[in-house]
Amino acid sequence: MRGYTVVLEQEKDGGFVVSVPALPGCFTQGESRSEAVKNAREAIAAYIEELRGRGEEPPLELKTETEYLELPELEYGT
């Protein structure tokens, strides 16, 4: 099964912006996390369909893991 890493960034005013690092220019958004993920699936499918329509193979991405590290010693203004 093919998969892609998606990056969800929560907006200050609510909602999420989603990017797909392995697919340059593939972005979407959603009001909730679940809507953003649903929209990301649709955006990835459309992106890959476009690539294949041009005779290009979609990039293969190895599964990656990310982790958010909080670094209190690097707080702004201290």
Protein backbone atom coordinates (compact mmCIF):
# COMPACT_ATOMS: atom_id res chain seq x y z
CA MET A 1 0.00 0.00 0.00
CA ARG A 2 1.29 3.43 -0.92
CA GLY A 3 1.10 6.28 1.56
CA TYR A 4 2.29 9.82 2.08
CA THR A 5 3.23 11.86 5.11
CA VAL A 6 0.91 14.81 5.69
CA VAL A 7 1.69 17.79 7.90
CA LEU A 8 -1.27 19.35 9.71
CA GLU A 9 -0.79 22.87 11.04
CA GLN A 10 -3.47 24.29 13.30
CA GLU A 11 -4.43 27.84 12.41
CA LYS A 12 -4.76 30.50 15.12
CA ASP A 13 -8.33 31.27 14.04
CA GLY A 14 -9.30 27.58 13.85
CA GLY A 15 -9.05 24.93 11.20
CA PHE A 16 -6.05 23.15 9.78
CA VAL A 17 -3.78 23.62 6.78
CA VAL A 18 -2.34 20.42 5.35
CA SER A 19 0.76 19.95 3.20
CA VAL A 20 2.22 16.82 1.63
CA PRO A 21 6.03 17.21 1.61
CA ALA A 22 6.64 14.47 -0.99
CA LEU A 23 4.21 16.10 -3.43
CA PRO A 24 5.36 19.70 -4.03
CA GLY A 25 2.45 22.11 -4.20
CA CYS A 26 -0.04 19.63 -2.72
CA PHE A 27 -1.93 21.59 -0.05
CA THR A 28 -5.44 21.60 1.37
CA GLN A 29 -7.30 22.63 4.51
CA GLY A 30 -10.25 21.78 6.71
CA GLU A 31 -12.28 23.24 9.55
CA SER A 32 -11.58 20.17 11.73
CA ARG A 33 -8.72 17.68 11.88
CA SER A 34 -10.90 14.94 10.39
CA GLU A 35 -12.08 17.19 7.56
CA ALA A 36 -8.48 18.24 6.84
CA VAL A 37 -7.36 14.59 6.65
CA LYS A 38 -10.31 13.71 4.38
CA ASN A 39 -9.45 16.65 2.13
CA ALA A 40 -5.78 15.58 2.12
CA ARG A 41 -6.74 12.13 0.84
CA GLU A 42 -8.70 13.76 -1.97
CA ALA A 43 -5.89 16.20 -2.79
CA ILE A 44 -3.31 13.39 -2.91
CA ALA A 45 -5.55 11.31 -5.20
CA ALA A 46 -6.08 14.29 -7.55
CA TYR A 47 -2.34 15.08 -7.55
CA ILE A 48 -1.42 11.49 -8.44
CA GLU A 49 -4.13 11.32 -11.11
CA GLU A 50 -2.68 14.48 -12.67
CA LEU A 51 0.86 13.03 -12.65
CA ARG A 52 -0.30 9.79 -14.25
CA GLY A 53 -2.30 11.77 -16.83
CA ARG A 54 0.99 13.37 -17.88
CA GLY A 55 2.67 9.95 -18.04
CA GLU A 56 4.67 10.52 -14.85
CA GLU A 57 5.02 8.08 -11.96
CA PRO A 58 4.14 9.44 -8.53
CA PRO A 59 7.07 9.60 -6.10
CA LEU A 60 7.44 6.70 -3.72
CA GLU A 61 7.81 7.81 -0.12
CA LEU A 62 9.22 5.64 2.63
CA LYS A 63 7.22 5.76 5.83
CA THR A 64 8.51 8.50 8.09
CA GLU A 65 7.84 9.39 11.70
CA THR A 66 7.72 12.82 13.22
CA GLU A 67 7.71 14.02 16.79
CA TYR A 68 7.12 17.43 18.29
CA LEU A 69 9.79 18.40 20.81
CA GLU A 70 9.03 21.11 23.33
CA LEU A 71 12.13 23.03 24.32
CA PRO A 72 11.34 25.34 27.25
CA GLU A 73 14.96 26.53 27.36
CA LEU A 74 14.40 28.16 23.98
CA GLU A 75 11.31 30.17 24.96
CA TYR A 76 11.06 33.45 23.13
CA GLY A 77 12.00 36.54 25.10
CA THR A 78 14.04 34.76 27.78
